Amino acid sequence: MTYSFLLELGLQRDDWLIRVRICRMWESFNPKKNGELIGLDMIFIDEKENLMHATINKKLYNKFKDKLTEGSLSVIKKFKVVENSGRYRPVESNFKINFLLKTVVKSLKEDVSIPINGFQFITPDMIDSRVNNNTVLSDVVGYLCGVGDMEIVGSRWKKRDIQIVTNHSVKAKITLWEEFGEKFDPYLYKNDSGPYIVIVTATTVKEFRGEVSFATSYASKIFVNLNVDYITSLIQKFATVSAGVQTIERSNVNSISIEEEMFFNRMNIKKLLDCDWSPELEEYIVTMRGEITKIDNHFGWYYIS
């Protein structure tokens, strides 16, 4: 039986057979439809440490949910390979895998040498292309040097900021939104121990007032002091320079600037009109992006767009 590596997959065939591990898995929900399930997303990794995004839509969710677990090994066949288009791609790859009704999944024992984890860490030369560009999300790693309290942003958003010194020795802020911030317990990371090497996967990259920062997305996962060789080397590297984990002072987030607030739930007019809103949704705040085509001040100042 011949297996294909993930980098070999393409559109030219429909009879691929792969042997992979699910290194990350999460459920996707639609906030515009009161949190309705979209489907199941996974990151596959193979023997050569190649990564690829795979998706199962909600209609097939019940068929496969009990056959797939994070960290498990599987042989998979009769799936569809499609071009990786759109935004918020959790890994950089030309293609992704869609499960079909006829897709076959067979569990494997731990007798294959496939890594448990896989990452695509952002490097300094990638920053400019990723800033304010959510086509591909970014994995970031560094030692934890600061943790803030949970805060409320605007009228409804919750966050916790942490600070790391990246693997390239640059200090950076990572905003952990909603449950990511709530589950990150600052009391676990004491000043007198460490260093703590933090990995946050699938982040967005923003630049505001000359400072680059990162933020969690729906696809993010957080790891602390993961037991892999690279993280062990970072623990050794930062052991002599780490000054412990400091408390980040609370920011006045309820009076954030318009520029910062405009990063939340952005959409254009067409997307707003095309949205299929749930009748049970009482409130959903968006930032509109449109072009002013005419200003009419005959009856006072307003614009037609």
C-alpha atoms as a PDB file:
ATOM      1  CA  MET A   1       0.000   0.000   0.000  1.00  0.00           C
ATOM      2  CA  THR A   2       1.546   3.313  -1.108  1.00  0.00           C
ATOM      3  CA  TYR A   3       0.761   6.477   0.827  1.00  0.00           C
ATOM      4  CA  SER A   4       1.161   9.997  -0.544  1.00  0.00           C
ATOM      5  CA  PHE A   5       2.757  12.797   1.436  1.00  0.00           C
ATOM      6  CA  LEU A   6       0.703  15.947   1.941  1.00  0.00           C
ATOM      7  CA  LEU A   7       3.001  18.021  -0.282  1.00  0.00           C
ATOM      8  CA  GLU A   8       2.296  15.612  -3.144  1.00  0.00           C
ATOM      9  CA  LEU A   9      -1.481  16.206  -3.091  1.00  0.00           C
ATOM     10  CA  GLY A  10      -3.022  18.168  -5.946  1.00  0.00           C
ATOM     11  CA  LEU A  11      -6.051  18.537  -8.192  1.00  0.00           C
ATOM     12  CA  GLN A  12      -4.919  16.016 -10.812  1.00  0.00           C
ATOM     13  CA  ARG A  13      -6.240  12.936  -8.968  1.00  0.00           C
ATOM     14  CA  ASP A  14      -9.140  11.884  -6.763  1.00  0.00           C
ATOM     15  CA  ASP A  15      -7.765   8.570  -5.457  1.00  0.00           C
ATOM     16  CA  TRP A  16      -5.276   9.852  -2.879  1.00  0.00           C
ATOM     17  CA  LEU A  17      -4.384   7.738   0.143  1.00  0.00           C
ATOM     18  CA  ILE A  18      -2.705   9.463   3.090  1.00  0.00           C
ATOM     19  CA  ARG A  19      -1.369   8.457   6.506  1.00  0.00           C
ATOM     20  CA  VAL A  20      -1.468  11.413   8.907  1.00  0.00           C
ATOM     21  CA  ARG A  21      -1.844  12.569  12.478  1.00  0.00           C
ATOM     22  CA  ILE A  22      -4.412  15.155  13.565  1.00  0.00           C
ATOM     23  CA  CYS A  23      -2.170  17.626  15.372  1.00  0.00           C
ATOM     24  CA  ARG A  24      -4.915  20.230  15.939  1.00  0.00           C
ATOM     25  CA  MET A  25      -8.697  20.090  15.759  1.00  0.00           C
ATOM     26  CA  TRP A  26     -11.475  22.572  16.530  1.00  0.00           C
ATOM     27  CA  GLU A  27     -15.146  23.238  15.852  1.00  0.00           C
ATOM     28  CA  SER A  28     -16.059  26.356  13.856  1.00  0.00           C
ATOM     29  CA  PHE A  29     -19.150  28.389  14.665  1.00  0.00           C
ATOM     30  CA  ASN A  30     -20.971  31.235  12.890  1.00  0.00           C
ATOM     31  CA  PRO A  31     -21.405  34.230  15.240  1.00  0.00           C
ATOM     32  CA  LYS A  32     -23.837  35.822  12.778  1.00  0.00           C
ATOM     33  CA  LYS A  33     -26.184  32.857  13.288  1.00  0.00           C
ATOM     34  CA  ASN A  34     -26.108  32.790  17.078  1.00  0.00           C
ATOM     35  CA  GLY A  35     -23.125  30.457  17.175  1.00  0.00           C
ATOM     36  CA  GLU A  36     -24.467  27.859  14.736  1.00  0.00           C
ATOM     37  CA  LEU A  37     -22.011  25.069  13.936  1.00  0.00           C
ATOM     38  CA  ILE A  38     -20.170  25.489  10.612  1.00  0.00           C
ATOM     39  CA  GLY A  39     -18.138  22.303  10.772  1.00  0.00           C
ATOM     40  CA  LEU A  40     -15.024  20.594  12.054  1.00  0.00           C
ATOM     41  CA  ASP A  41     -11.522  21.791  11.143  1.00  0.00           C
ATOM     42  CA  MET A  42      -8.256  19.886  11.490  1.00  0.00           C
ATOM     43  CA  ILE A  43      -4.560  20.311  10.800  1.00  0.00           C
ATOM     44  CA  PHE A  44      -2.954  17.148   9.419  1.00  0.00           C
ATOM     45  CA  ILE A  45       0.758  16.362   9.722  1.00  0.00           C
ATOM     46  CA  ASP A  46       2.666  13.565   7.957  1.00  0.00           C
ATOM     47  CA  GLU A  47       6.052  11.813   8.358  1.00  0.00           C
ATOM     48  CA  LYS A  48       7.853  14.677   6.630  1.00  0.00           C
ATOM     49  CA  GLU A  49       6.227  17.224   8.968  1.00  0.00           C
ATOM     50  CA  ASN A  50       4.164  18.728   6.156  1.00  0.00           C
ATOM     51  CA  LEU A  51       0.961  20.442   7.335  1.00  0.00           C
ATOM     52  CA  MET A  52      -2.427  20.739   5.627  1.00  0.00           C
ATOM     53  CA  HIS A  53      -5.840  22.071   6.619  1.00  0.00           C
ATOM     54  CA  ALA A  54      -8.801  19.666   6.402  1.00  0.00           C
ATOM     55  CA  THR A  55     -12.496  20.451   6.860  1.00  0.00           C
ATOM     56  CA  ILE A  56     -15.729  18.565   7.515  1.00  0.00           C
ATOM     57  CA  ASN A  57     -18.950  20.495   6.927  1.00  0.00           C
ATOM     58  CA  LYS A  58     -21.788  20.376   9.428  1.00  0.00           C
ATOM     59  CA  LYS A  59     -23.847  17.912   7.367  1.00  0.00           C
ATOM     60  CA  LEU A  60     -21.090  15.306   7.763  1.00  0.00           C
ATOM     61  CA  TYR A  61     -20.118  16.240  11.321  1.00  0.00           C
ATOM     62  CA  ASN A  62     -22.028  13.417  13.046  1.00  0.00           C
ATOM     63  CA  LYS A  63     -20.679  10.839  10.578  1.00  0.00           C
ATOM     64  CA  PHE A  64     -17.028  11.538  11.416  1.00  0.00           C
ATOM     65  CA  LYS A  65     -16.905  13.179  14.866  1.00  0.00           C
ATOM     66  CA  ASP A  66     -16.389   9.902  16.754  1.00  0.00           C
ATOM     67  CA  LYS A  67     -13.763   8.620  14.302  1.00  0.00           C
ATOM     68  CA  LEU A  68     -11.386  11.561  14.722  1.00  0.00           C
ATOM     69  CA  THR A  69      -9.579  12.773  17.821  1.00  0.00           C
ATOM     70  CA  GLU A  70      -6.811  15.300  18.244  1.00  0.00           C
ATOM     71  CA  GLY A  71      -3.439  13.546  18.330  1.00  0.00           C
ATOM     72  CA  SER A  72      -4.663  10.344  16.684  1.00  0.00           C
ATOM     73  CA  LEU A  73      -3.152   8.592  13.656  1.00  0.00           C
ATOM     74  CA  SER A  74      -5.361   7.769  10.672  1.00  0.00           C
ATOM     75  CA  VAL A  75      -5.335   6.442   7.147  1.00  0.00           C
ATOM     76  CA  ILE A  76      -7.724   8.496   5.019  1.00  0.00           C
ATOM     77  CA  LYS A  77      -8.942   8.011   1.455  1.00  0.00           C
ATOM     78  CA  LYS A  78     -11.735   9.096  -0.910  1.00  0.00           C
ATOM     79  CA  PHE A  79     -11.533  12.795  -0.015  1.00  0.00           C
ATOM     80  CA  LYS A  80     -11.449  15.875  -2.225  1.00  0.00           C
ATOM     81  CA  VAL A  81      -8.406  18.118  -2.669  1.00  0.00           C
ATOM     82  CA  VAL A  82      -9.332  21.740  -3.420  1.00  0.00           C
ATOM     83  CA  GLU A  83      -7.454  25.000  -3.866  1.00  0.00           C
ATOM     84  CA  ASN A  84      -6.820  26.794  -0.600  1.00  0.00           C
ATOM     85  CA  SER A  85      -8.563  30.113  -1.195  1.00  0.00           C
ATOM     86  CA  GLY A  86     -10.134  32.726   1.022  1.00  0.00           C
ATOM     87  CA  ARG A  87      -8.902  34.351   4.206  1.00  0.00           C
ATOM     88  CA  TYR A  88      -7.979  33.103   7.685  1.00  0.00           C
ATOM     89  CA  ARG A  89      -6.058  30.048   6.476  1.00  0.00           C
ATOM     90  CA  PRO A  90      -4.664  28.325   9.599  1.00  0.00           C
ATOM     91  CA  VAL A  91      -1.604  27.022   7.706  1.00  0.00           C
ATOM     92  CA  GLU A  92       0.169  28.102   4.533  1.00  0.00           C
ATOM     93  CA  SER A  93      -0.537  25.528   1.833  1.00  0.00           C
ATOM     94  CA  ASN A  94      -1.690  25.621  -1.785  1.00  0.00           C
ATOM     95  CA  PHE A  95      -4.412  23.056  -1.153  1.00  0.00           C
ATOM     96  CA  LYS A  96      -6.726  21.803   1.559  1.00  0.00           C
ATOM     97  CA  ILE A  97      -8.748  18.638   2.105  1.00  0.00           C
ATOM     98  CA  ASN A  98     -12.545  18.431   2.152  1.00  0.00           C
ATOM     99  CA  PHE A  99     -14.205  15.348   3.570  1.00  0.00           C
ATOM    100  CA  LEU A 100     -16.970  13.759   1.474  1.00  0.00           C
ATOM    101  CA  LEU A 101     -19.812  11.400   2.320  1.00  0.00           C
ATOM    102  CA  LYS A 102     -17.729   8.568   0.827  1.00  0.00           C
ATOM    103  CA  THR A 103     -14.514   9.478   2.703  1.00  0.00           C
ATOM    104  CA  VAL A 104     -13.032   6.539   4.621  1.00  0.00           C
ATOM    105  CA  VAL A 105     -11.115   6.949   7.897  1.00  0.00           C
ATOM    106  CA  LYS A 106      -9.206   4.090   9.522  1.00  0.00           C
ATOM    107  CA  SER A 107      -7.448   4.490  12.879  1.00  0.00           C
ATOM    108  CA  LEU A 108      -3.805   3.439  13.232  1.00  0.00           C
ATOM    109  CA  LYS A 109      -1.759   2.220  16.152  1.00  0.00           C
ATOM    110  CA  GLU A 110       1.238   4.194  17.355  1.00  0.00           C
ATOM    111  CA  ASP A 111       3.727   2.347  15.161  1.00  0.00           C
ATOM    112  CA  VAL A 112       4.318   5.132  12.629  1.00  0.00           C
ATOM    113  CA  SER A 113       6.846   7.918  13.133  1.00  0.00           C
ATOM    114  CA  ILE A 114       4.659  11.006  12.692  1.00  0.00           C
ATOM    115  CA  PRO A 115       5.199  14.018  15.005  1.00  0.00           C
ATOM    116  CA  ILE A 116       2.451  14.881  17.477  1.00  0.00           C
ATOM    117  CA  ASN A 117       2.712  18.621  16.787  1.00  0.00           C
ATOM    118  CA  GLY A 118       3.557  20.842  13.844  1.00  0.00           C
ATOM    119  CA  PHE A 119       3.870  24.602  13.513  1.00  0.00           C
ATOM    120  CA  GLN A 120       4.725  27.304  10.980  1.00  0.00           C
ATOM    121  CA  PHE A 121       6.355  29.957  13.163  1.00  0.00           C
ATOM    122  CA  ILE A 122       6.356  33.469  11.785  1.00  0.00           C
ATOM    123  CA  THR A 123       9.805  34.957  11.070  1.00  0.00           C
ATOM    124  CA  PRO A 124      10.850  38.632  10.957  1.00  0.00           C
ATOM    125  CA  ASP A 125      10.971  38.647   7.152  1.00  0.00           C
ATOM    126  CA  MET A 126       7.313  37.535   7.041  1.00  0.00           C
ATOM    127  CA  ILE A 127       5.962  40.302   9.282  1.00  0.00           C
ATOM    128  CA  ASP A 128       5.392  42.962   6.617  1.00  0.00           C
ATOM    129  CA  SER A 129       3.376  40.613   4.397  1.00  0.00           C
ATOM    130  CA  ARG A 130       1.202  39.455   7.312  1.00  0.00           C
ATOM    131  CA  VAL A 131       0.455  42.830   8.960  1.00  0.00           C
ATOM    132  CA  ASN A 132      -3.248  43.693   8.595  1.00  0.00           C
ATOM    133  CA  ASN A 133      -3.508  40.868   6.047  1.00  0.00           C
ATOM    134  CA  ASN A 134      -5.530  37.907   7.293  1.00  0.00           C
ATOM    135  CA  THR A 135      -5.051  35.643   4.285  1.00  0.00           C
ATOM    136  CA  VAL A 136      -2.721  33.332   6.238  1.00  0.00           C
ATOM    137  CA  LEU A 137      -2.717  33.180  10.034  1.00  0.00           C
ATOM    138  CA  SER A 138       0.552  33.038  11.963  1.00  0.00           C
ATOM    139  CA  ASP A 139       2.006  30.793  14.670  1.00  0.00           C
ATOM    140  CA  VAL A 140       4.072  32.725  17.197  1.00  0.00           C
ATOM    141  CA  VAL A 141       6.388  31.492  19.963  1.00  0.00           C
ATOM    142  CA  GLY A 142       8.399  33.104  22.750  1.00  0.00           C
ATOM    143  CA  TYR A 143       9.006  33.204  26.481  1.00  0.00           C
ATOM    144  CA  LEU A 144       6.263  34.672  28.646  1.00  0.00           C
ATOM    145  CA  CYS A 145       7.300  37.922  30.318  1.00  0.00           C
ATOM    146  CA  GLY A 146       3.963  39.565  31.164  1.00  0.00           C
ATOM    147  CA  VAL A 147       0.315  38.715  31.836  1.00  0.00           C
ATOM    148  CA  GLY A 148      -2.602  41.121  32.160  1.00  0.00           C
ATOM    149  CA  ASP A 149      -6.040  40.833  33.743  1.00  0.00           C
ATOM    150  CA  MET A 150      -9.234  40.086  31.851  1.00  0.00           C
ATOM    151  CA  GLU A 151     -10.672  43.305  30.449  1.00  0.00           C
ATOM    152  CA  ILE A 152     -13.810  44.403  28.645  1.00  0.00           C
ATOM    153  CA  VAL A 153     -13.400  46.056  25.245  1.00  0.00           C
ATOM    154  CA  GLY A 154     -16.219  48.264  24.050  1.00  0.00           C
ATOM    155  CA  SER A 155     -19.629  46.942  25.067  1.00  0.00           C
ATOM    156  CA  ARG A 156     -19.122  43.178  24.867  1.00  0.00           C
ATOM    157  CA  TRP A 157     -15.653  41.860  23.978  1.00  0.00           C
ATOM    158  CA  LYS A 158     -13.411  40.259  26.628  1.00  0.00           C
ATOM    159  CA  LYS A 159      -9.652  39.926  26.358  1.00  0.00           C
ATOM    160  CA  ARG A 160      -6.417  39.296  28.223  1.00  0.00           C
ATOM    161  CA  ASP A 161      -3.098  40.646  26.971  1.00  0.00           C
ATOM    162  CA  ILE A 162       0.140  38.751  27.421  1.00  0.00           C
ATOM    163  CA  GLN A 163       3.669  39.768  26.462  1.00  0.00           C
ATOM    164  CA  ILE A 164       6.340  37.478  25.126  1.00  0.00           C
ATOM    165  CA  VAL A 165       9.900  37.804  23.917  1.00  0.00           C
ATOM    166  CA  THR A 166       9.794  35.941  20.623  1.00  0.00           C
ATOM    167  CA  ASN A 167      12.229  33.301  19.423  1.00  0.00           C
ATOM    168  CA  HIS A 168      13.880  36.193  17.529  1.00  0.00           C
ATOM    169  CA  SER A 169      14.324  38.180  20.801  1.00  0.00           C
ATOM    170  CA  VAL A 170      11.658  40.790  20.004  1.00  0.00           C
ATOM    171  CA  LYS A 171       9.082  41.765  22.622  1.00  0.00           C
ATOM    172  CA  ALA A 172       5.495  41.446  21.363  1.00  0.00           C
ATOM    173  CA  LYS A 173       1.957  41.658  22.716  1.00  0.00           C
ATOM    174  CA  ILE A 174      -0.553  38.866  22.096  1.00  0.00           C
ATOM    175  CA  THR A 175      -4.235  39.536  22.738  1.00  0.00           C
ATOM    176  CA  LEU A 176      -6.110  36.458  23.918  1.00  0.00           C
ATOM    177  CA  TRP A 177      -9.768  37.016  23.039  1.00  0.00           C
ATOM    178  CA  GLU A 178     -12.723  35.610  24.968  1.00  0.00           C
ATOM    179  CA  GLU A 179     -12.253  32.012  26.213  1.00  0.00           C
ATOM    180  CA  PHE A 180      -8.556  31.998  25.263  1.00  0.00           C
ATOM    181  CA  GLY A 181      -7.992  34.763  27.793  1.00  0.00           C
ATOM    182  CA  GLU A 182     -10.293  33.238  30.396  1.00  0.00           C
ATOM    183  CA  LYS A 183      -8.520  29.862  30.258  1.00  0.00           C
ATOM    184  CA  PHE A 184      -5.033  31.393  30.491  1.00  0.00           C
ATOM    185  CA  ASP A 185      -4.597  31.357  34.274  1.00  0.00           C
ATOM    186  CA  PRO A 186      -1.925  33.924  35.296  1.00  0.00           C
ATOM    187  CA  TYR A 187      -1.483  32.309  38.725  1.00  0.00           C
ATOM    188  CA  LEU A 188       0.104  29.256  37.120  1.00  0.00           C
ATOM    189  CA  TYR A 189       3.075  31.313  35.952  1.00  0.00           C
ATOM    190  CA  LYS A 190       5.009  32.500  38.998  1.00  0.00           C
ATOM    191  CA  ASN A 191       7.961  34.878  39.008  1.00  0.00           C
ATOM    192  CA  ASP A 192      10.221  32.409  40.748  1.00  0.00           C
ATOM    193  CA  SER A 193       9.956  29.672  38.124  1.00  0.00           C
ATOM    194  CA  GLY A 194      10.154  29.353  34.391  1.00  0.00           C
ATOM    195  CA  PRO A 195      10.931  30.421  31.771  1.00  0.00           C
ATOM    196  CA  TYR A 196       7.569  29.580  30.216  1.00  0.00           C
ATOM    197  CA  ILE A 197       7.683  29.169  26.455  1.00  0.00           C
ATOM    198  CA  VAL A 198       4.294  29.993  24.965  1.00  0.00           C
ATOM    199  CA  ILE A 199       3.057  28.984  21.505  1.00  0.00           C
ATOM    200  CA  VAL A 200      -0.071  30.634  20.130  1.00  0.00           C
ATOM    201  CA  THR A 201      -1.167  29.257  16.775  1.00  0.00           C
ATOM    202  CA  ALA A 202      -3.246  30.835  13.998  1.00  0.00           C
ATOM    203  CA  THR A 203      -2.979  34.464  15.106  1.00  0.00           C
ATOM    204  CA  THR A 204      -3.748  37.629  13.210  1.00  0.00           C
ATOM    205  CA  VAL A 205      -0.999  40.244  12.923  1.00  0.00           C
ATOM    206  CA  LYS A 206      -1.767  43.926  13.428  1.00  0.00           C
ATOM    207  CA  GLU A 207       0.245  47.114  13.438  1.00  0.00           C
ATOM    208  CA  PHE A 208      -0.978  50.088  15.454  1.00  0.00           C
ATOM    209  CA  ARG A 209       1.041  53.245  16.078  1.00  0.00           C
ATOM    210  CA  GLY A 210       4.184  51.543  14.848  1.00  0.00           C
ATOM    211  CA  GLU A 211       3.896  48.472  17.096  1.00  0.00           C
ATOM    212  CA  VAL A 212       3.238  44.973  15.760  1.00  0.00           C
ATOM    213  CA  SER A 213       0.983  42.750  17.853  1.00  0.00           C
ATOM    214  CA  PHE A 214      -0.770  39.413  17.538  1.00  0.00           C
ATOM    215  CA  ALA A 215      -4.267  38.217  18.434  1.00  0.00           C
ATOM    216  CA  THR A 216      -6.014  34.869  18.689  1.00  0.00           C
ATOM    217  CA  SER A 217      -8.498  33.736  16.049  1.00  0.00           C
ATOM    218  CA  TYR A 218     -11.190  31.048  16.058  1.00  0.00           C
ATOM    219  CA  ALA A 219      -8.503  28.541  14.970  1.00  0.00           C
ATOM    220  CA  SER A 220      -5.951  29.331  17.686  1.00  0.00           C
ATOM    221  CA  LYS A 221      -4.460  26.903  20.186  1.00  0.00           C
ATOM    222  CA  ILE A 222      -2.177  27.755  23.117  1.00  0.00           C
ATOM    223  CA  PHE A 223       0.690  25.549  24.321  1.00  0.00           C
ATOM    224  CA  VAL A 224       3.008  26.223  27.281  1.00  0.00           C
ATOM    225  CA  ASN A 225       6.383  24.463  27.616  1.00  0.00           C
ATOM    226  CA  LEU A 226       5.480  21.829  25.052  1.00  0.00           C
ATOM    227  CA  ASN A 227       7.696  18.764  25.347  1.00  0.00           C
ATOM    228  CA  VAL A 228       9.496  18.976  22.001  1.00  0.00           C
ATOM    229  CA  ASP A 229      13.183  19.534  21.242  1.00  0.00           C
ATOM    230  CA  TYR A 230      12.781  23.053  19.827  1.00  0.00           C
ATOM    231  CA  ILE A 231      10.897  24.311  22.888  1.00  0.00           C
ATOM    232  CA  THR A 232      13.449  22.683  25.178  1.00  0.00           C
ATOM    233  CA  SER A 233      16.179  24.606  23.346  1.00  0.00           C
ATOM    234  CA  LEU A 234      14.259  27.867  23.863  1.00  0.00           C
ATOM    235  CA  ILE A 235      13.848  27.138  27.578  1.00  0.00           C
ATOM    236  CA  GLN A 236      17.624  26.733  27.802  1.00  0.00           C
ATOM    237  CA  LYS A 237      18.207  29.860  25.707  1.00  0.00           C
ATOM    238  CA  PHE A 238      16.010  32.101  27.853  1.00  0.00           C
ATOM    239  CA  ALA A 239      16.822  30.536  31.233  1.00  0.00           C
ATOM    240  CA  THR A 240      19.634  33.038  31.840  1.00  0.00           C
ATOM    241  CA  VAL A 241      17.820  36.145  30.557  1.00  0.00           C
ATOM    242  CA  SER A 242      14.254  35.614  31.795  1.00  0.00           C
ATOM    243  CA  ALA A 243      13.255  38.094  34.496  1.00  0.00           C
ATOM    244  CA  GLY A 244      10.088  36.210  35.405  1.00  0.00           C
ATOM    245  CA  VAL A 245       6.490  36.983  34.537  1.00  0.00           C
ATOM    246  CA  GLN A 246       5.406  40.528  35.334  1.00  0.00           C
ATOM    247  CA  THR A 247       1.873  41.898  35.711  1.00  0.00           C
ATOM    248  CA  ILE A 248       0.710  44.048  32.805  1.00  0.00           C
ATOM    249  CA  GLU A 249      -1.171  47.115  33.994  1.00  0.00           C
ATOM    250  CA  ARG A 250      -4.786  47.375  32.971  1.00  0.00           C
ATOM    251  CA  SER A 251      -5.368  49.516  29.911  1.00  0.00           C
ATOM    252  CA  ASN A 252      -8.257  51.916  29.489  1.00  0.00           C
ATOM    253  CA  VAL A 253      -9.810  49.612  26.909  1.00  0.00           C
ATOM    254  CA  ASN A 254     -13.344  50.987  27.242  1.00  0.00           C
ATOM    255  CA  SER A 255     -12.161  54.175  25.565  1.00  0.00           C
ATOM    256  CA  ILE A 256     -10.153  52.566  22.772  1.00  0.00           C
ATOM    257  CA  SER A 257      -9.517  54.620  19.697  1.00  0.00           C
ATOM    258  CA  ILE A 258     -11.671  54.438  16.589  1.00  0.00           C
ATOM    259  CA  GLU A 259      -8.714  53.019  14.675  1.00  0.00           C
ATOM    260  CA  GLU A 260      -8.449  50.030  17.026  1.00  0.00           C
ATOM    261  CA  GLU A 261     -12.198  49.432  17.193  1.00  0.00           C
ATOM    262  CA  MET A 262     -12.348  49.286  13.397  1.00  0.00           C
ATOM    263  CA  PHE A 263     -10.453  45.982  13.468  1.00  0.00           C
ATOM    264  CA  PHE A 264     -13.471  44.191  14.942  1.00  0.00           C
ATOM    265  CA  ASN A 265     -15.982  42.430  12.647  1.00  0.00           C
ATOM    266  CA  ARG A 266     -15.227  44.395   9.497  1.00  0.00           C
ATOM    267  CA  MET A 267     -17.398  43.882   6.420  1.00  0.00           C
ATOM    268  CA  ASN A 268     -18.392  45.765   3.286  1.00  0.00           C
ATOM    269  CA  ILE A 269     -21.946  46.715   2.296  1.00  0.00           C
ATOM    270  CA  LYS A 270     -22.411  43.758  -0.066  1.00  0.00           C
ATOM    271  CA  LYS A 271     -21.357  41.286   2.608  1.00  0.00           C
ATOM    272  CA  LEU A 272     -23.767  42.889   5.091  1.00  0.00           C
ATOM    273  CA  LEU A 273     -26.675  42.647   2.628  1.00  0.00           C
ATOM    274  CA  ASP A 274     -25.803  39.057   1.699  1.00  0.00           C
ATOM    275  CA  CYS A 275     -25.586  37.819   5.289  1.00  0.00           C
ATOM    276  CA  ASP A 276     -28.151  35.252   6.397  1.00  0.00           C
ATOM    277  CA  TRP A 277     -28.854  36.567   9.881  1.00  0.00           C
ATOM    278  CA  SER A 278     -30.449  34.377  12.533  1.00  0.00           C
ATOM    279  CA  PRO A 279     -33.852  35.706  13.742  1.00  0.00           C
ATOM    280  CA  GLU A 280     -32.731  34.862  17.288  1.00  0.00           C
ATOM    281  CA  LEU A 281     -29.739  37.224  17.078  1.00  0.00           C
ATOM    282  CA  GLU A 282     -30.596  40.303  19.128  1.00  0.00           C
ATOM    283  CA  GLU A 283     -27.445  42.323  18.548  1.00  0.00           C
ATOM    284  CA  TYR A 284     -24.322  42.077  16.414  1.00  0.00           C
ATOM    285  CA  ILE A 285     -21.861  44.960  16.106  1.00  0.00           C
ATOM    286  CA  VAL A 286     -19.969  45.409  12.843  1.00  0.00           C
ATOM    287  CA  THR A 287     -17.658  47.963  11.305  1.00  0.00           C
ATOM    288  CA  MET A 288     -18.772  48.947   7.817  1.00  0.00           C
ATOM    289  CA  ARG A 289     -16.322  49.673   5.054  1.00  0.00           C
ATOM    290  CA  GLY A 290     -17.724  51.544   2.071  1.00  0.00           C
ATOM    291  CA  GLU A 291     -17.076  54.346  -0.391  1.00  0.00           C
ATOM    292  CA  ILE A 292     -18.765  57.745  -0.014  1.00  0.00           C
ATOM    293  CA  THR A 293     -20.239  58.461  -3.436  1.00  0.00           C
ATOM    294  CA  LYS A 294     -22.076  61.697  -2.703  1.00  0.00           C
ATOM    295  CA  ILE A 295     -22.521  64.239   0.069  1.00  0.00           C
ATOM    296  CA  ASP A 296     -25.862  66.078   0.248  1.00  0.00           C
ATOM    297  CA  ASN A 297     -26.071  68.812   2.859  1.00  0.00           C
ATOM    298  CA  HIS A 298     -29.342  70.365   1.698  1.00  0.00           C
ATOM    299  CA  PHE A 299     -31.151  69.081   4.804  1.00  0.00           C
ATOM    300  CA  GLY A 300     -28.072  68.889   6.982  1.00  0.00           C
ATOM    301  CA  TRP A 301     -24.953  66.770   6.851  1.00  0.00           C
ATOM    302  CA  TYR A 302     -25.347  63.129   5.881  1.00  0.00           C
ATOM    303  CA  TYR A 303     -23.971  60.972   3.091  1.00  0.00           C
ATOM    304  CA  ILE A 304     -25.421  58.640   0.484  1.00  0.00           C
ATOM    305  CA  SER A 305     -23.369  55.479  -0.040  1.00  0.00           C
END
